Amino acid sequence: EGSDYEEGWRLARENKIDVVDEHYYNSV
């Protein structure tokens, strides 16, 4: 989540990027 996640997805949608690389380390 957060601004990088939101902006990255906006760029992906607008520019029809094939795939995006998601990262997260979260609690149980």
PDB file of all heavy atoms in Angstrom:
ATOM      1  N   GLU A   1       0.851  -1.178   0.000  1.00  0.00           N
ATOM      2  CA  GLU A   1       0.000   0.000   0.000  1.00  0.00           C
ATOM      3  C   GLU A   1       0.892   1.235   0.000  1.00  0.00           C
ATOM      4  O   GLU A   1       2.113   1.132   0.076  1.00  0.00           O
ATOM      5  CB  GLU A   1      -0.907   0.009   1.239  1.00  0.00           C
ATOM      6  CG  GLU A   1      -0.141   0.046   2.557  1.00  0.00           C
ATOM      7  CD  GLU A   1      -1.049   0.070   3.771  1.00  0.00           C
ATOM      8  OE1 GLU A   1      -2.277   0.168   3.611  1.00  0.00           O
ATOM      9  OE2 GLU A   1      -0.517  -0.009   4.901  1.00  0.00           O
ATOM     10  N   GLY A   2       0.290   2.421  -0.083  1.00  0.00           N
ATOM     11  CA  GLY A   2       1.058   3.659  -0.025  1.00  0.00           C
ATOM     12  C   GLY A   2       1.216   4.305  -1.391  1.00  0.00           C
ATOM     13  O   GLY A   2       0.762   3.791  -2.415  1.00  0.00           O
ATOM     14  N   SER A   3       1.899   5.443  -1.411  1.00  0.00           N
ATOM     15  CA  SER A   3       1.973   6.246  -2.627  1.00  0.00           C
ATOM     16  C   SER A   3       2.735   5.549  -3.751  1.00  0.00           C
ATOM     17  O   SER A   3       2.345   5.658  -4.925  1.00  0.00           O
ATOM     18  CB  SER A   3       2.614   7.607  -2.319  1.00  0.00           C
ATOM     19  OG  SER A   3       3.923   7.429  -1.792  1.00  0.00           O
ATOM     20  N   ASP A   4       3.835   4.865  -3.443  1.00  0.00           N
ATOM     21  CA  ASP A   4       4.570   4.169  -4.509  1.00  0.00           C
ATOM     22  C   ASP A   4       3.718   3.074  -5.136  1.00  0.00           C
ATOM     23  O   ASP A   4       3.709   2.896  -6.362  1.00  0.00           O
ATOM     24  CB  ASP A   4       5.873   3.576  -3.965  1.00  0.00           C
ATOM     25  CG  ASP A   4       6.865   4.645  -3.538  1.00  0.00           C
ATOM     26  OD1 ASP A   4       6.893   5.705  -4.181  1.00  0.00           O
ATOM     27  OD2 ASP A   4       7.590   4.423  -2.555  1.00  0.00           O
ATOM     28  N   TYR A   5       3.013   2.332  -4.300  1.00  0.00           N
ATOM     29  CA  TYR A   5       2.113   1.285  -4.786  1.00  0.00           C
ATOM     30  C   TYR A   5       1.033   1.891  -5.684  1.00  0.00           C
ATOM     31  O   TYR A   5       0.778   1.400  -6.795  1.00  0.00           O
ATOM     32  CB  TYR A   5       1.497   0.564  -3.592  1.00  0.00           C
ATOM     33  CG  TYR A   5       0.416  -0.432  -3.927  1.00  0.00           C
ATOM     34  CD1 TYR A   5       0.723  -1.750  -4.260  1.00  0.00           C
ATOM     35  CD2 TYR A   5      -0.931  -0.060  -3.904  1.00  0.00           C
ATOM     36  CE1 TYR A   5      -0.275  -2.665  -4.564  1.00  0.00           C
ATOM     37  CE2 TYR A   5      -1.930  -0.965  -4.209  1.00  0.00           C
ATOM     38  CZ  TYR A   5      -1.607  -2.263  -4.530  1.00  0.00           C
ATOM     39  OH  TYR A   5      -2.589  -3.161  -4.837  1.00  0.00           O
ATOM     40  N   GLU A   6       0.414   2.965  -5.225  1.00  0.00           N
ATOM     41  CA  GLU A   6      -0.675   3.578  -5.987  1.00  0.00           C
ATOM     42  C   GLU A   6      -0.174   4.203  -7.291  1.00  0.00           C
ATOM     43  O   GLU A   6      -0.792   4.038  -8.357  1.00  0.00           O
ATOM     44  CB  GLU A   6      -1.377   4.633  -5.128  1.00  0.00           C
ATOM     45  CG  GLU A   6      -2.115   4.025  -3.937  1.00  0.00           C
ATOM     46  CD  GLU A   6      -2.585   5.065  -2.938  1.00  0.00           C
ATOM     47  OE1 GLU A   6      -2.366   6.275  -3.208  1.00  0.00           O
ATOM     48  OE2 GLU A   6      -3.163   4.686  -1.910  1.00  0.00           O
ATOM     49  N   GLU A   7       0.958   4.926  -7.216  1.00  0.00           N
ATOM     50  CA  GLU A   7       1.503   5.554  -8.420  1.00  0.00           C
ATOM     51  C   GLU A   7       2.034   4.515  -9.403  1.00  0.00           C
ATOM     52  O   GLU A   7       1.898   4.655 -10.616  1.00  0.00           O
ATOM     53  CB  GLU A   7       2.613   6.544  -8.043  1.00  0.00           C
ATOM     54  CG  GLU A   7       2.104   7.857  -7.480  1.00  0.00           C
ATOM     55  CD  GLU A   7       1.263   8.615  -8.496  1.00  0.00           C
ATOM     56  OE1 GLU A   7       1.807   8.987  -9.556  1.00  0.00           O
ATOM     57  OE2 GLU A   7       0.061   8.811  -8.241  1.00  0.00           O
ATOM     58  N   GLY A   8       2.662   3.464  -8.866  1.00  0.00           N
ATOM     59  CA  GLY A   8       3.168   2.402  -9.732  1.00  0.00           C
ATOM     60  C   GLY A   8       2.052   1.721 -10.501  1.00  0.00           C
ATOM     61  O   GLY A   8       2.176   1.442 -11.705  1.00  0.00           O
ATOM     62  N   TRP A   9       0.953   1.469  -9.820  1.00  0.00           N
ATOM     63  CA  TRP A   9      -0.182   0.840 -10.491  1.00  0.00           C
ATOM     64  C   TRP A   9      -0.834   1.797 -11.495  1.00  0.00           C
ATOM     65  O   TRP A   9      -1.293   1.374 -12.562  1.00  0.00           O
ATOM     66  CB  TRP A   9      -1.200   0.345  -9.463  1.00  0.00           C
ATOM     67  CG  TRP A   9      -0.978  -1.085  -9.109  1.00  0.00           C
ATOM     68  CD1 TRP A   9      -0.478  -1.595  -7.951  1.00  0.00           C
ATOM     69  CD2 TRP A   9      -1.235  -2.213  -9.954  1.00  0.00           C
ATOM     70  NE1 TRP A   9      -0.399  -2.965  -8.013  1.00  0.00           N
ATOM     71  CE2 TRP A   9      -0.866  -3.364  -9.225  1.00  0.00           C
ATOM     72  CE3 TRP A   9      -1.738  -2.358 -11.241  1.00  0.00           C
ATOM     73  CZ2 TRP A   9      -0.985  -4.652  -9.760  1.00  0.00           C
ATOM     74  CZ3 TRP A   9      -1.856  -3.636 -11.773  1.00  0.00           C
ATOM     75  CH2 TRP A   9      -1.487  -4.772 -11.033  1.00  0.00           C
ATOM     76  N   ARG A  10      -0.873   3.092 -11.155  1.00  0.00           N
ATOM     77  CA  ARG A  10      -1.428   4.056 -12.111  1.00  0.00           C
ATOM     78  C   ARG A  10      -0.602   4.072 -13.395  1.00  0.00           C
ATOM     79  O   ARG A  10      -1.149   4.037 -14.509  1.00  0.00           O
ATOM     80  CB  ARG A  10      -1.458   5.453 -11.487  1.00  0.00           C
ATOM     81  CG  ARG A  10      -2.071   6.518 -12.407  1.00  0.00           C
ATOM     82  CD  ARG A  10      -1.971   7.898 -11.807  1.00  0.00           C
ATOM     83  NE  ARG A  10      -0.590   8.349 -11.646  1.00  0.00           N
ATOM     84  CZ  ARG A  10       0.160   8.828 -12.634  1.00  0.00           C
ATOM     85  NH1 ARG A  10      -0.333   8.934 -13.866  1.00  0.00           N
ATOM     86  NH2 ARG A  10       1.399   9.214 -12.413  1.00  0.00           N
ATOM     87  N   LEU A  11       0.714   4.108 -13.263  1.00  0.00           N
ATOM     88  CA  LEU A  11       1.590   4.082 -14.435  1.00  0.00           C
ATOM     89  C   LEU A  11       1.403   2.802 -15.239  1.00  0.00           C
ATOM     90  O   LEU A  11       1.404   2.815 -16.473  1.00  0.00           O
ATOM     91  CB  LEU A  11       3.049   4.214 -14.004  1.00  0.00           C
ATOM     92  CG  LEU A  11       3.507   5.577 -13.499  1.00  0.00           C
ATOM     93  CD1 LEU A  11       4.931   5.485 -12.964  1.00  0.00           C
ATOM     94  CD2 LEU A  11       3.430   6.619 -14.605  1.00  0.00           C
ATOM     95  N   ALA A  12       1.254   1.687 -14.529  1.00  0.00           N
ATOM     96  CA  ALA A  12       1.083   0.407 -15.218  1.00  0.00           C
ATOM     97  C   ALA A  12      -0.198   0.390 -16.040  1.00  0.00           C
ATOM     98  O   ALA A  12      -0.217  -0.058 -17.198  1.00  0.00           O
ATOM     99  CB  ALA A  12       1.080  -0.725 -14.203  1.00  0.00           C
ATOM    100  N   ARG A  13      -1.280   0.884 -15.441  1.00  0.00           N
ATOM    101  CA  ARG A  13      -2.565   0.891 -16.161  1.00  0.00           C
ATOM    102  C   ARG A  13      -2.532   1.843 -17.356  1.00  0.00           C
ATOM    103  O   ARG A  13      -2.968   1.492 -18.459  1.00  0.00           O
ATOM    104  CB  ARG A  13      -3.689   1.266 -15.204  1.00  0.00           C
ATOM    105  CG  ARG A  13      -4.046   0.173 -14.195  1.00  0.00           C
ATOM    106  CD  ARG A  13      -5.307   0.525 -13.445  1.00  0.00           C
ATOM    107  NE  ARG A  13      -5.108   1.660 -12.559  1.00  0.00           N
ATOM    108  CZ  ARG A  13      -4.753   1.562 -11.275  1.00  0.00           C
ATOM    109  NH1 ARG A  13      -4.573   0.372 -10.740  1.00  0.00           N
ATOM    110  NH2 ARG A  13      -4.604   2.634 -10.538  1.00  0.00           N
ATOM    111  N   GLU A  14      -2.014   3.053 -17.129  1.00  0.00           N
ATOM    112  CA  GLU A  14      -2.025   4.064 -18.190  1.00  0.00           C
ATOM    113  C   GLU A  14      -1.106   3.713 -19.343  1.00  0.00           C
ATOM    114  O   GLU A  14      -1.365   4.093 -20.492  1.00  0.00           O
ATOM    115  CB  GLU A  14      -1.635   5.428 -17.604  1.00  0.00           C
ATOM    116  CG  GLU A  14      -2.685   6.015 -16.667  1.00  0.00           C
ATOM    117  CD  GLU A  14      -2.255   7.345 -16.085  1.00  0.00           C
ATOM    118  OE1 GLU A  14      -1.117   7.786 -16.371  1.00  0.00           O
ATOM    119  OE2 GLU A  14      -3.054   7.953 -15.335  1.00  0.00           O
ATOM    120  N   ASN A  15      -0.017   3.002 -19.054  1.00  0.00           N
ATOM    121  CA  ASN A  15       0.968   2.690 -20.090  1.00  0.00           C
ATOM    122  C   ASN A  15       0.926   1.218 -20.533  1.00  0.00           C
ATOM    123  O   ASN A  15       1.800   0.771 -21.258  1.00  0.00           O
ATOM    124  CB  ASN A  15       2.366   3.044 -19.586  1.00  0.00           C
ATOM    125  CG  ASN A  15       2.535   4.537 -19.377  1.00  0.00           C
ATOM    126  OD1 ASN A  15       2.824   5.261 -20.312  1.00  0.00           O
ATOM    127  ND2 ASN A  15       2.359   4.989 -18.142  1.00  0.00           N
ATOM    128  N   LYS A  16      -0.082   0.505 -20.049  1.00  0.00           N
ATOM    129  CA  LYS A  16      -0.290  -0.899 -20.436  1.00  0.00           C
ATOM    130  C   LYS A  16       0.980  -1.732 -20.255  1.00  0.00           C
ATOM    131  O   LYS A  16       1.399  -2.478 -21.154  1.00  0.00           O
ATOM    132  CB  LYS A  16      -0.803  -0.983 -21.873  1.00  0.00           C
ATOM    133  CG  LYS A  16      -2.203  -0.391 -22.055  1.00  0.00           C
ATOM    134  CD  LYS A  16      -2.688  -0.520 -23.494  1.00  0.00           C
ATOM    135  CE  LYS A  16      -4.158  -0.154 -23.621  1.00  0.00           C
ATOM    136  NZ  LYS A  16      -4.496   1.171 -23.088  1.00  0.00           N
ATOM    137  N   ILE A  17       1.605  -1.566 -19.088  1.00  0.00           N
ATOM    138  CA  ILE A  17       2.777  -2.385 -18.741  1.00  0.00           C
ATOM    139  C   ILE A  17       2.310  -3.818 -18.509  1.00  0.00           C
ATOM    140  O   ILE A  17       1.274  -4.060 -17.884  1.00  0.00           O
ATOM    141  CB  ILE A  17       3.480  -1.804 -17.507  1.00  0.00           C
ATOM    142  CG1 ILE A  17       4.014  -0.401 -17.835  1.00  0.00           C
ATOM    143  CG2 ILE A  17       4.612  -2.706 -17.036  1.00  0.00           C
ATOM    144  CD1 ILE A  17       4.571   0.344 -16.640  1.00  0.00           C
ATOM    145  N   ASP A  18       3.056  -4.786 -19.025  1.00  0.00           N
ATOM    146  CA  ASP A  18       2.620  -6.183 -19.022  1.00  0.00           C
ATOM    147  C   ASP A  18       2.360  -6.702 -17.609  1.00  0.00           C
ATOM    148  O   ASP A  18       1.310  -7.276 -17.327  1.00  0.00           O
ATOM    149  CB  ASP A  18       3.682  -7.080 -19.689  1.00  0.00           C
ATOM    150  CG  ASP A  18       3.971  -6.671 -21.117  1.00  0.00           C
ATOM    151  OD1 ASP A  18       3.022  -6.353 -21.846  1.00  0.00           O
ATOM    152  OD2 ASP A  18       5.163  -6.655 -21.503  1.00  0.00           O
ATOM    153  N   VAL A  19       3.361  -6.531 -16.746  1.00  0.00           N
ATOM    154  CA  VAL A  19       3.345  -7.121 -15.405  1.00  0.00           C
ATOM    155  C   VAL A  19       3.991  -6.135 -14.443  1.00  0.00           C
ATOM    156  O   VAL A  19       4.883  -5.378 -14.845  1.00  0.00           O
ATOM    157  CB  VAL A  19       4.145  -8.455 -15.371  1.00  0.00           C
ATOM    158  CG1 VAL A  19       4.009  -9.150 -14.022  1.00  0.00           C
ATOM    159  CG2 VAL A  19       3.715  -9.387 -16.500  1.00  0.00           C
ATOM    160  N   VAL A  20       3.567  -6.135 -13.174  1.00  0.00           N
ATOM    161  CA  VAL A  20       4.286  -5.374 -12.151  1.00  0.00           C
ATOM    162  C   VAL A  20       4.744  -6.314 -11.045  1.00  0.00           C
ATOM    163  O   VAL A  20       4.135  -7.355 -10.788  1.00  0.00           O
ATOM    164  CB  VAL A  20       3.444  -4.231 -11.546  1.00  0.00           C
ATOM    165  CG1 VAL A  20       3.174  -3.159 -12.580  1.00  0.00           C
ATOM    166  CG2 VAL A  20       2.158  -4.748 -10.921  1.00  0.00           C
ATOM    167  N   ASP A  21       5.819  -5.919 -10.402  1.00  0.00           N
ATOM    168  CA  ASP A  21       6.482  -6.713  -9.364  1.00  0.00           C
ATOM    169  C   ASP A  21       6.051  -6.194  -8.001  1.00  0.00           C
ATOM    170  O   ASP A  21       6.457  -5.116  -7.574  1.00  0.00           O
ATOM    171  CB  ASP A  21       7.997  -6.579  -9.561  1.00  0.00           C
ATOM    172  CG  ASP A  21       8.800  -7.355  -8.529  1.00  0.00           C
ATOM    173  OD1 ASP A  21       8.199  -8.109  -7.744  1.00  0.00           O
ATOM    174  OD2 ASP A  21      10.036  -7.191  -8.521  1.00  0.00           O
ATOM    175  N   GLU A  22       5.206  -6.961  -7.310  1.00  0.00           N
ATOM    176  CA  GLU A  22       4.756  -6.567  -5.970  1.00  0.00           C
ATOM    177  C   GLU A  22       5.664  -7.169  -4.909  1.00  0.00           C
ATOM    178  O   GLU A  22       6.073  -8.329  -5.014  1.00  0.00           O
ATOM    179  CB  GLU A  22       3.314  -7.026  -5.736  1.00  0.00           C
ATOM    180  CG  GLU A  22       2.289  -6.259  -6.530  1.00  0.00           C
ATOM    181  CD  GLU A  22       0.871  -6.489  -6.041  1.00  0.00           C
ATOM    182  OE1 GLU A  22       0.651  -7.421  -5.226  1.00  0.00           O
ATOM    183  OE2 GLU A  22      -0.020  -5.738  -6.461  1.00  0.00           O
ATOM    184  N   HIS A  23       5.946  -6.371  -3.870  1.00  0.00           N
ATOM    185  CA  HIS A  23       6.744  -6.814  -2.732  1.00  0.00           C
ATOM    186  C   HIS A  23       5.980  -6.531  -1.447  1.00  0.00           C
ATOM    187  O   HIS A  23       5.389  -5.461  -1.306  1.00  0.00           O
ATOM    188  CB  HIS A  23       8.078  -6.052  -2.657  1.00  0.00           C
ATOM    189  CG  HIS A  23       9.023  -6.363  -3.764  1.00  0.00           C
ATOM    190  ND1 HIS A  23      10.314  -5.871  -3.805  1.00  0.00           N
ATOM    191  CD2 HIS A  23       8.897  -7.115  -4.889  1.00  0.00           C
ATOM    192  CE1 HIS A  23      10.924  -6.301  -4.896  1.00  0.00           C
ATOM    193  NE2 HIS A  23      10.078  -7.053  -5.573  1.00  0.00           N
ATOM    194  N   TYR A  24       6.005  -7.456  -0.523  1.00  0.00           N
ATOM    195  CA  TYR A  24       5.516  -7.155   0.828  1.00  0.00           C
ATOM    196  C   TYR A  24       5.967  -8.217   1.823  1.00  0.00           C
ATOM    197  O   TYR A  24       6.045  -9.394   1.511  1.00  0.00           O
ATOM    198  CB  TYR A  24       3.996  -6.985   0.871  1.00  0.00           C
ATOM    199  CG  TYR A  24       3.157  -8.003   0.129  1.00  0.00           C
ATOM    200  CD1 TYR A  24       2.916  -9.276   0.647  1.00  0.00           C
ATOM    201  CD2 TYR A  24       2.550  -7.661  -1.080  1.00  0.00           C
ATOM    202  CE1 TYR A  24       2.109 -10.180  -0.019  1.00  0.00           C
ATOM    203  CE2 TYR A  24       1.741  -8.559  -1.763  1.00  0.00           C
ATOM    204  CZ  TYR A  24       1.519  -9.826  -1.226  1.00  0.00           C
ATOM    205  OH  TYR A  24       0.731 -10.727  -1.883  1.00  0.00           O
ATOM    206  N   TYR A  25       6.298  -7.738   3.013  1.00  0.00           N
ATOM    207  CA  TYR A  25       6.606  -8.587   4.168  1.00  0.00           C
ATOM    208  C   TYR A  25       5.633  -8.192   5.263  1.00  0.00           C
ATOM    209  O   TYR A  25       5.651  -7.048   5.724  1.00  0.00           O
ATOM    210  CB  TYR A  25       8.050  -8.378   4.635  1.00  0.00           C
ATOM    211  CG  TYR A  25       9.077  -8.852   3.636  1.00  0.00           C
ATOM    212  CD1 TYR A  25       9.547  -7.999   2.641  1.00  0.00           C
ATOM    213  CD2 TYR A  25       9.575 -10.147   3.681  1.00  0.00           C
ATOM    214  CE1 TYR A  25      10.479  -8.431   1.714  1.00  0.00           C
ATOM    215  CE2 TYR A  25      10.515 -10.593   2.761  1.00  0.00           C
ATOM    216  CZ  TYR A  25      10.962  -9.728   1.778  1.00  0.00           C
ATOM    217  OH  TYR A  25      11.883 -10.158   0.863  1.00  0.00           O
ATOM    218  N   ASN A  26       4.775  -9.120   5.652  1.00  0.00           N
ATOM    219  CA  ASN A  26       3.718  -8.781   6.595  1.00  0.00           C
ATOM    220  C   ASN A  26       3.605  -9.805   7.706  1.00  0.00           C
ATOM    221  O   ASN A  26       4.175 -10.897   7.647  1.00  0.00           O
ATOM    222  CB  ASN A  26       2.385  -8.646   5.849  1.00  0.00           C
ATOM    223  CG  ASN A  26       2.347  -7.423   4.947  1.00  0.00           C
ATOM    224  OD1 ASN A  26       2.746  -6.341   5.346  1.00  0.00           O
ATOM    225  ND2 ASN A  26       1.896  -7.603   3.719  1.00  0.00           N
ATOM    226  N   SER A  27       2.838  -9.451   8.722  1.00  0.00           N
ATOM    227  CA  SER A  27       2.667 -10.287   9.899  1.00  0.00           C
ATOM    228  C   SER A  27       1.766 -11.480   9.594  1.00  0.00           C
ATOM    229  O   SER A  27       1.063 -11.517   8.577  1.00  0.00           O
ATOM    230  CB  SER A  27       2.042  -9.462  11.026  1.00  0.00           C
ATOM    231  OG  SER A  27       0.715  -9.083  10.669  1.00  0.00           O
ATOM    232  N   VAL A  28       1.772 -12.438  10.520  1.00  0.00           N
ATOM    233  CA  VAL A  28       0.857 -13.579  10.412  1.00  0.00           C
ATOM    234  C   VAL A  28      -0.581 -13.087  10.304  1.00  0.00           C
ATOM    235  O   VAL A  28      -1.363 -13.563   9.472  1.00  0.00           O
ATOM    236  CB  VAL A  28       1.035 -14.500  11.641  1.00  0.00           C
ATOM    237  CG1 VAL A  28      -0.120 -15.494  11.745  1.00  0.00           C
ATOM    238  CG2 VAL A  28       2.370 -15.243  11.559  1.00  0.00           C
TER     239      VAL A  28
END
